[in-house]
């Protein structure tokens, strides 16, 4: 997915039932300020909606904010849906309140990067710039 020209396109989503969206909004704004196109889906989105939006918007990446503790289920659902919809080339990254011990299993399931609570927006922007490549 993703087009070969123009800015990196990132869907930023807050899946699940958690009602805290400050982190997602901060990251969405930082990515936008860095020149990326950001599609913010809002709170309490289903994995199906997030993946559908990413495909429809020709996104290069999906950034998930999961502060609720349901990170295994939500990340797994997004990664699996991308595979099912032949869109596994969309990079998935995210963060939230995720125990360090869970990061390895999230990466093994296909999550490109997991940012701990407290990481700077600048660090996430830098990671996206380096790791979300647009096809040539």
N, C-alpha and C. Protein backbone atom coordinates (compact mmCIF):
# COMPACT_ATOMS: atom_id res chain seq x y z
N UNK A 1 0.85 -1.18 0.00
CA UNK A 1 0.00 0.00 0.00
C UNK A 1 0.89 1.23 0.00
N UNK A 2 0.28 2.36 0.16
CA UNK A 2 1.05 3.60 0.18
C UNK A 2 1.50 3.98 -1.21
N UNK A 3 1.53 5.26 -1.46
CA UNK A 3 1.95 5.72 -2.78
C UNK A 3 3.44 6.03 -2.76
N UNK A 4 4.02 6.12 -3.94
CA UNK A 4 5.47 6.29 -4.04
C UNK A 4 5.90 7.75 -3.86
N UNK A 5 4.97 8.67 -3.96
CA UNK A 5 5.34 10.07 -3.85
C UNK A 5 4.55 10.74 -2.74
N UNK A 6 5.00 11.92 -2.37
CA UNK A 6 4.30 12.67 -1.34
C UNK A 6 4.73 12.27 0.05
N UNK A 7 4.09 12.90 1.03
CA UNK A 7 4.48 12.64 2.42
C UNK A 7 4.05 11.25 2.90
N UNK A 8 4.70 10.80 3.93
CA UNK A 8 4.31 9.55 4.59
C UNK A 8 2.90 9.74 5.15
N UNK A 9 2.05 8.73 4.95
CA UNK A 9 0.66 8.78 5.44
C UNK A 9 0.50 7.81 6.60
N UNK A 10 0.04 8.33 7.73
CA UNK A 10 -0.07 7.53 8.94
C UNK A 10 -1.48 7.64 9.51
N UNK A 11 -2.10 6.48 9.76
CA UNK A 11 -3.36 6.45 10.49
C UNK A 11 -3.00 6.32 11.97
N UNK A 12 -3.48 7.24 12.78
CA UNK A 12 -3.28 7.19 14.22
C UNK A 12 -4.61 6.82 14.84
N UNK A 13 -4.61 5.78 15.67
CA UNK A 13 -5.86 5.28 16.21
C UNK A 13 -5.73 4.92 17.68
N UNK A 14 -6.86 4.98 18.34
CA UNK A 14 -7.00 4.61 19.74
C UNK A 14 -8.03 3.48 19.79
N UNK A 15 -7.58 2.24 19.52
CA UNK A 15 -8.55 1.14 19.49
C UNK A 15 -8.96 0.71 20.89
N UNK A 16 -10.04 -0.02 20.96
CA UNK A 16 -10.48 -0.54 22.26
C UNK A 16 -11.38 0.42 22.98
N UNK A 17 -11.61 0.14 24.24
CA UNK A 17 -12.61 0.87 25.01
C UNK A 17 -12.04 1.96 25.89
N UNK A 18 -10.73 2.14 25.89
CA UNK A 18 -10.12 3.15 26.74
C UNK A 18 -10.54 4.53 26.28
N UNK A 19 -10.68 5.45 27.19
CA UNK A 19 -11.12 6.80 26.85
C UNK A 19 -10.04 7.85 26.90
N UNK A 20 -8.79 7.45 26.94
CA UNK A 20 -7.69 8.40 27.02
C UNK A 20 -7.07 8.59 25.65
N UNK A 21 -7.18 9.80 25.12
CA UNK A 21 -6.67 10.03 23.77
C UNK A 21 -5.59 11.10 23.70
N UNK A 22 -5.13 11.59 24.83
CA UNK A 22 -4.13 12.66 24.81
C UNK A 22 -2.86 12.21 24.08
N UNK A 23 -2.36 11.01 24.40
CA UNK A 23 -1.14 10.53 23.77
C UNK A 23 -1.28 10.42 22.27
N UNK A 24 -2.40 9.87 21.82
CA UNK A 24 -2.64 9.73 20.37
C UNK A 24 -2.69 11.10 19.70
N UNK A 25 -3.33 12.05 20.34
CA UNK A 25 -3.43 13.40 19.75
C UNK A 25 -2.08 14.09 19.69
N UNK A 26 -1.27 13.91 20.72
CA UNK A 26 0.08 14.50 20.74
C UNK A 26 0.91 13.93 19.59
N UNK A 27 0.85 12.61 19.41
CA UNK A 27 1.62 11.97 18.35
C UNK A 27 1.09 12.38 16.98
N UNK A 28 -0.22 12.41 16.83
CA UNK A 28 -0.81 12.83 15.55
C UNK A 28 -0.34 14.23 15.18
N UNK A 29 -0.35 15.14 16.14
CA UNK A 29 0.08 16.52 15.88
C UNK A 29 1.57 16.57 15.54
N UNK A 30 2.39 15.80 16.27
CA UNK A 30 3.84 15.80 16.02
C UNK A 30 4.14 15.27 14.63
N UNK A 31 3.48 14.19 14.22
CA UNK A 31 3.69 13.65 12.88
C UNK A 31 3.25 14.66 11.82
N UNK A 32 2.12 15.29 12.04
CA UNK A 32 1.61 16.29 11.09
C UNK A 32 2.59 17.47 11.01
N UNK A 33 3.06 17.94 12.17
CA UNK A 33 4.01 19.06 12.19
C UNK A 33 5.32 18.71 11.49
N UNK A 34 5.63 17.41 11.43
CA UNK A 34 6.85 16.94 10.76
C UNK A 34 6.63 16.75 9.25
N UNK A 35 5.45 17.11 8.76
CA UNK A 35 5.19 17.06 7.32
C UNK A 35 4.50 15.80 6.84
N UNK A 36 4.09 14.96 7.75
CA UNK A 36 3.39 13.74 7.35
C UNK A 36 1.89 13.99 7.26
N UNK A 37 1.22 13.18 6.47
CA UNK A 37 -0.24 13.24 6.43
C UNK A 37 -0.77 12.30 7.49
N UNK A 38 -1.63 12.81 8.35
CA UNK A 38 -2.13 12.02 9.47
C UNK A 38 -3.65 11.92 9.38
N UNK A 39 -4.14 10.71 9.51
CA UNK A 39 -5.57 10.46 9.58
C UNK A 39 -5.82 9.97 10.99
N UNK A 40 -6.46 10.79 11.81
CA UNK A 40 -6.74 10.43 13.20
C UNK A 40 -8.15 9.88 13.28
N UNK A 41 -8.29 8.64 13.71
CA UNK A 41 -9.61 8.00 13.69
C UNK A 41 -10.43 8.27 14.94
N UNK A 42 -9.82 8.81 15.97
CA UNK A 42 -10.57 9.09 17.19
C UNK A 42 -10.56 7.93 18.16
N UNK A 43 -11.33 8.10 19.22
CA UNK A 43 -11.37 7.13 20.32
C UNK A 43 -12.19 5.89 20.01
N UNK A 44 -11.85 4.82 20.70
CA UNK A 44 -12.66 3.61 20.78
C UNK A 44 -13.01 3.01 19.41
N UNK A 45 -12.00 2.93 18.57
CA UNK A 45 -12.20 2.35 17.24
C UNK A 45 -11.95 0.84 17.27
N UNK A 46 -12.68 0.13 16.44
CA UNK A 46 -12.44 -1.31 16.33
C UNK A 46 -11.22 -1.54 15.44
N UNK A 47 -10.54 -2.66 15.62
CA UNK A 47 -9.44 -2.98 14.71
C UNK A 47 -9.90 -3.01 13.25
N UNK A 48 -11.10 -3.49 12.98
CA UNK A 48 -11.63 -3.52 11.62
C UNK A 48 -11.74 -2.12 11.02
N UNK A 49 -12.20 -1.17 11.83
CA UNK A 49 -12.31 0.22 11.35
C UNK A 49 -10.93 0.81 11.08
N UNK A 50 -9.98 0.55 11.98
CA UNK A 50 -8.63 1.09 11.83
C UNK A 50 -7.99 0.56 10.54
N UNK A 51 -8.07 -0.74 10.33
CA UNK A 51 -7.47 -1.34 9.13
C UNK A 51 -8.19 -0.87 7.88
N UNK A 52 -9.51 -0.81 7.92
CA UNK A 52 -10.28 -0.32 6.77
C UNK A 52 -9.90 1.10 6.41
N UNK A 53 -9.74 1.95 7.42
CA UNK A 53 -9.33 3.34 7.18
C UNK A 53 -7.94 3.39 6.57
N UNK A 54 -7.01 2.59 7.09
CA UNK A 54 -5.64 2.59 6.57
C UNK A 54 -5.61 2.19 5.10
N UNK A 55 -6.39 1.18 4.74
CA UNK A 55 -6.43 0.73 3.34
C UNK A 55 -7.10 1.79 2.47
N UNK A 56 -8.22 2.30 2.92
CA UNK A 56 -8.95 3.31 2.15
C UNK A 56 -8.11 4.57 1.94
N UNK A 57 -7.34 4.95 2.95
CA UNK A 57 -6.54 6.18 2.90
C UNK A 57 -5.16 5.96 2.29
N UNK A 58 -4.88 4.74 1.83
CA UNK A 58 -3.58 4.42 1.22
C UNK A 58 -2.44 4.75 2.18
N UNK A 59 -2.61 4.35 3.44
CA UNK A 59 -1.64 4.68 4.47
C UNK A 59 -0.38 3.83 4.35
N UNK A 60 0.70 4.40 4.81
CA UNK A 60 1.98 3.70 4.89
C UNK A 60 2.15 3.03 6.24
N UNK A 61 1.47 3.57 7.26
CA UNK A 61 1.65 3.06 8.61
C UNK A 61 0.39 3.27 9.44
N UNK A 62 0.30 2.46 10.49
CA UNK A 62 -0.74 2.62 11.50
C UNK A 62 -0.05 2.77 12.84
N UNK A 63 -0.35 3.85 13.54
CA UNK A 63 0.16 4.07 14.88
C UNK A 63 -0.96 3.88 15.88
N UNK A 64 -0.81 2.91 16.76
CA UNK A 64 -1.85 2.61 17.74
C UNK A 64 -1.44 3.09 19.13
N UNK A 65 -2.36 3.75 19.80
CA UNK A 65 -2.16 4.12 21.19
C UNK A 65 -3.07 3.23 22.02
N UNK A 66 -2.45 2.41 22.88
CA UNK A 66 -3.23 1.43 23.65
C UNK A 66 -2.87 1.56 25.13
N UNK A 67 -3.52 2.50 25.84
CA UNK A 67 -3.23 2.65 27.26
C UNK A 67 -4.05 1.74 28.16
N UNK A 68 -4.88 0.90 27.58
CA UNK A 68 -5.87 0.16 28.36
C UNK A 68 -5.41 -1.19 28.89
N UNK A 69 -4.27 -1.69 28.43
CA UNK A 69 -3.85 -3.02 28.85
C UNK A 69 -4.33 -4.12 27.92
N UNK A 70 -5.09 -3.79 26.90
CA UNK A 70 -5.59 -4.79 25.95
C UNK A 70 -4.69 -4.85 24.71
N UNK A 71 -3.42 -4.52 24.89
CA UNK A 71 -2.52 -4.37 23.75
C UNK A 71 -2.32 -5.67 22.96
N UNK A 72 -2.21 -6.81 23.63
CA UNK A 72 -2.01 -8.05 22.88
C UNK A 72 -3.16 -8.30 21.91
N UNK A 73 -4.36 -8.23 22.41
CA UNK A 73 -5.53 -8.50 21.58
C UNK A 73 -5.67 -7.47 20.45
N UNK A 74 -5.49 -6.20 20.77
CA UNK A 74 -5.73 -5.15 19.77
C UNK A 74 -4.64 -5.12 18.70
N UNK A 75 -3.38 -5.19 19.10
CA UNK A 75 -2.31 -5.22 18.10
C UNK A 75 -2.43 -6.47 17.24
N UNK A 76 -2.69 -7.62 17.87
CA UNK A 76 -2.82 -8.88 17.11
C UNK A 76 -3.95 -8.79 16.09
N UNK A 77 -5.06 -8.21 16.49
CA UNK A 77 -6.20 -8.09 15.57
C UNK A 77 -5.85 -7.21 14.38
N UNK A 78 -5.18 -6.10 14.61
CA UNK A 78 -4.81 -5.20 13.51
C UNK A 78 -3.83 -5.89 12.57
N UNK A 79 -2.79 -6.52 13.11
CA UNK A 79 -1.79 -7.20 12.28
C UNK A 79 -2.47 -8.30 11.47
N UNK A 80 -3.33 -9.09 12.09
CA UNK A 80 -4.00 -10.20 11.40
C UNK A 80 -4.93 -9.69 10.30
N UNK A 81 -5.68 -8.64 10.59
CA UNK A 81 -6.58 -8.07 9.57
C UNK A 81 -5.80 -7.52 8.39
N UNK A 82 -4.65 -6.92 8.64
CA UNK A 82 -3.83 -6.42 7.53
C UNK A 82 -3.39 -7.59 6.64
N UNK A 83 -2.99 -8.70 7.25
CA UNK A 83 -2.60 -9.88 6.48
C UNK A 83 -3.78 -10.41 5.67
N UNK A 84 -4.95 -10.51 6.32
CA UNK A 84 -6.13 -11.03 5.64
C UNK A 84 -6.55 -10.16 4.45
N UNK A 85 -6.30 -8.86 4.56
CA UNK A 85 -6.72 -7.93 3.52
C UNK A 85 -5.58 -7.61 2.56
N UNK A 86 -4.54 -8.44 2.56
CA UNK A 86 -3.39 -8.29 1.67
C UNK A 86 -2.75 -6.90 1.79
N UNK A 87 -2.64 -6.45 3.03
CA UNK A 87 -2.08 -5.12 3.28
C UNK A 87 -1.01 -5.18 4.36
N UNK A 88 -0.31 -6.31 4.45
CA UNK A 88 0.70 -6.48 5.49
C UNK A 88 1.91 -5.57 5.30
N UNK A 89 1.97 -4.86 4.17
CA UNK A 89 3.08 -3.93 3.96
C UNK A 89 2.84 -2.61 4.70
N UNK A 90 1.69 -2.43 5.30
CA UNK A 90 1.45 -1.25 6.13
C UNK A 90 2.14 -1.48 7.47
N UNK A 91 3.06 -0.60 7.82
CA UNK A 91 3.84 -0.72 9.06
C UNK A 91 2.96 -0.42 10.26
N UNK A 92 3.01 -1.30 11.26
CA UNK A 92 2.25 -1.09 12.50
C UNK A 92 3.23 -0.78 13.62
N UNK A 93 2.96 0.33 14.32
CA UNK A 93 3.75 0.68 15.50
C UNK A 93 2.79 1.22 16.54
N UNK A 94 3.27 1.38 17.74
CA UNK A 94 2.38 1.92 18.75
C UNK A 94 3.03 2.03 20.10
N UNK A 95 2.19 2.37 21.05
CA UNK A 95 2.67 2.53 22.40
C UNK A 95 1.52 2.67 23.37
N UNK A 96 1.88 2.96 24.59
CA UNK A 96 0.90 3.08 25.64
C UNK A 96 1.47 2.47 26.91
N UNK A 97 0.58 2.01 27.76
CA UNK A 97 1.00 1.39 29.00
C UNK A 97 1.21 -0.09 28.71
N UNK A 98 2.40 -0.40 28.21
CA UNK A 98 2.72 -1.76 27.76
C UNK A 98 3.95 -2.23 28.53
N UNK A 99 3.80 -3.29 29.32
CA UNK A 99 4.95 -3.80 30.07
C UNK A 99 6.09 -4.19 29.14
N UNK A 100 7.31 -3.90 29.57
CA UNK A 100 8.49 -4.21 28.76
C UNK A 100 8.52 -5.68 28.37
N UNK A 101 8.05 -6.55 29.25
CA UNK A 101 8.06 -7.99 28.98
C UNK A 101 7.17 -8.36 27.80
N UNK A 102 6.19 -7.53 27.47
CA UNK A 102 5.26 -7.82 26.37
C UNK A 102 5.77 -7.35 25.01
N UNK A 103 6.79 -6.50 25.02
CA UNK A 103 7.28 -5.91 23.77
C UNK A 103 7.78 -6.99 22.81
N UNK A 104 8.51 -7.97 23.31
CA UNK A 104 9.06 -9.02 22.45
C UNK A 104 7.94 -9.78 21.73
N UNK A 105 6.91 -10.18 22.46
CA UNK A 105 5.82 -10.93 21.82
C UNK A 105 5.06 -10.07 20.81
N UNK A 106 4.91 -8.77 21.08
CA UNK A 106 4.24 -7.88 20.12
C UNK A 106 5.07 -7.79 18.83
N UNK A 107 6.39 -7.68 18.98
CA UNK A 107 7.25 -7.60 17.80
C UNK A 107 7.23 -8.93 17.03
N UNK A 108 7.19 -10.04 17.75
CA UNK A 108 7.12 -11.34 17.09
C UNK A 108 5.84 -11.50 16.27
N UNK A 109 4.75 -10.87 16.71
CA UNK A 109 3.49 -10.98 15.96
C UNK A 109 3.44 -10.02 14.77
N UNK A 110 4.45 -9.13 14.64
CA UNK A 110 4.50 -8.28 13.47
C UNK A 110 4.42 -6.79 13.73
N UNK A 111 4.42 -6.37 14.98
CA UNK A 111 4.42 -4.95 15.31
C UNK A 111 5.86 -4.45 15.12
N UNK A 112 6.04 -3.42 14.32
CA UNK A 112 7.39 -2.96 13.98
C UNK A 112 8.12 -2.32 15.15
N UNK A 113 7.38 -1.55 15.96
CA UNK A 113 8.01 -0.91 17.12
C UNK A 113 6.96 -0.64 18.17
N UNK A 114 7.39 -0.74 19.43
CA UNK A 114 6.52 -0.47 20.57
C UNK A 114 7.22 0.56 21.44
N UNK A 115 6.57 1.71 21.62
CA UNK A 115 7.16 2.79 22.39
C UNK A 115 6.61 2.77 23.81
N UNK A 116 7.49 2.88 24.80
CA UNK A 116 7.02 2.89 26.19
C UNK A 116 6.36 4.21 26.54
N UNK A 117 5.56 4.20 27.58
CA UNK A 117 4.97 5.44 28.08
C UNK A 117 6.12 6.40 28.40
N UNK A 118 5.93 7.66 28.07
CA UNK A 118 6.94 8.66 28.38
C UNK A 118 7.93 8.94 27.28
N UNK A 119 7.91 8.16 26.18
CA UNK A 119 8.82 8.43 25.07
C UNK A 119 8.44 9.77 24.45
N UNK A 120 9.42 10.48 23.92
CA UNK A 120 9.12 11.79 23.35
C UNK A 120 8.47 11.66 21.97
N UNK A 121 7.65 12.63 21.65
CA UNK A 121 7.03 12.66 20.32
C UNK A 121 8.12 12.75 19.25
N UNK A 122 9.18 13.49 19.53
CA UNK A 122 10.27 13.64 18.56
C UNK A 122 10.92 12.29 18.26
N UNK A 123 11.06 11.44 19.26
CA UNK A 123 11.65 10.11 19.04
C UNK A 123 10.76 9.27 18.14
N UNK A 124 9.46 9.38 18.31
CA UNK A 124 8.52 8.64 17.46
C UNK A 124 8.56 9.17 16.03
N UNK A 125 8.57 10.47 15.87
CA UNK A 125 8.67 11.08 14.54
C UNK A 125 9.93 10.61 13.84
N UNK A 126 11.06 10.63 14.55
CA UNK A 126 12.33 10.19 13.97
C UNK A 126 12.25 8.73 13.55
N UNK A 127 11.65 7.88 14.39
CA UNK A 127 11.53 6.46 14.06
C UNK A 127 10.68 6.28 12.79
N UNK A 128 9.58 6.98 12.70
CA UNK A 128 8.71 6.86 11.52
C UNK A 128 9.47 7.28 10.26
N UNK A 129 10.19 8.39 10.35
CA UNK A 129 10.96 8.87 9.19
C UNK A 129 11.94 7.81 8.70
N UNK A 130 12.59 7.12 9.61
CA UNK A 130 13.62 6.15 9.24
C UNK A 130 13.03 4.81 8.84
N UNK A 131 11.94 4.40 9.48
CA UNK A 131 11.46 3.03 9.34
C UNK A 131 10.21 2.84 8.47
N UNK A 132 9.53 3.90 8.15
CA UNK A 132 8.36 3.78 7.28
C UNK A 132 8.80 4.27 5.90
N UNK A 133 9.12 3.32 5.08
CA UNK A 133 9.65 3.62 3.74
C UNK A 133 8.54 3.61 2.71
N UNK A 134 8.62 4.56 1.82
CA UNK A 134 7.65 4.60 0.73
C UNK A 134 8.24 3.83 -0.44
N UNK A 135 7.44 3.02 -1.10
CA UNK A 135 7.95 2.27 -2.26
C UNK A 135 8.47 3.22 -3.33
N UNK A 136 9.49 2.78 -4.03
CA UNK A 136 10.07 3.65 -5.08
C UNK A 136 9.60 3.18 -6.43
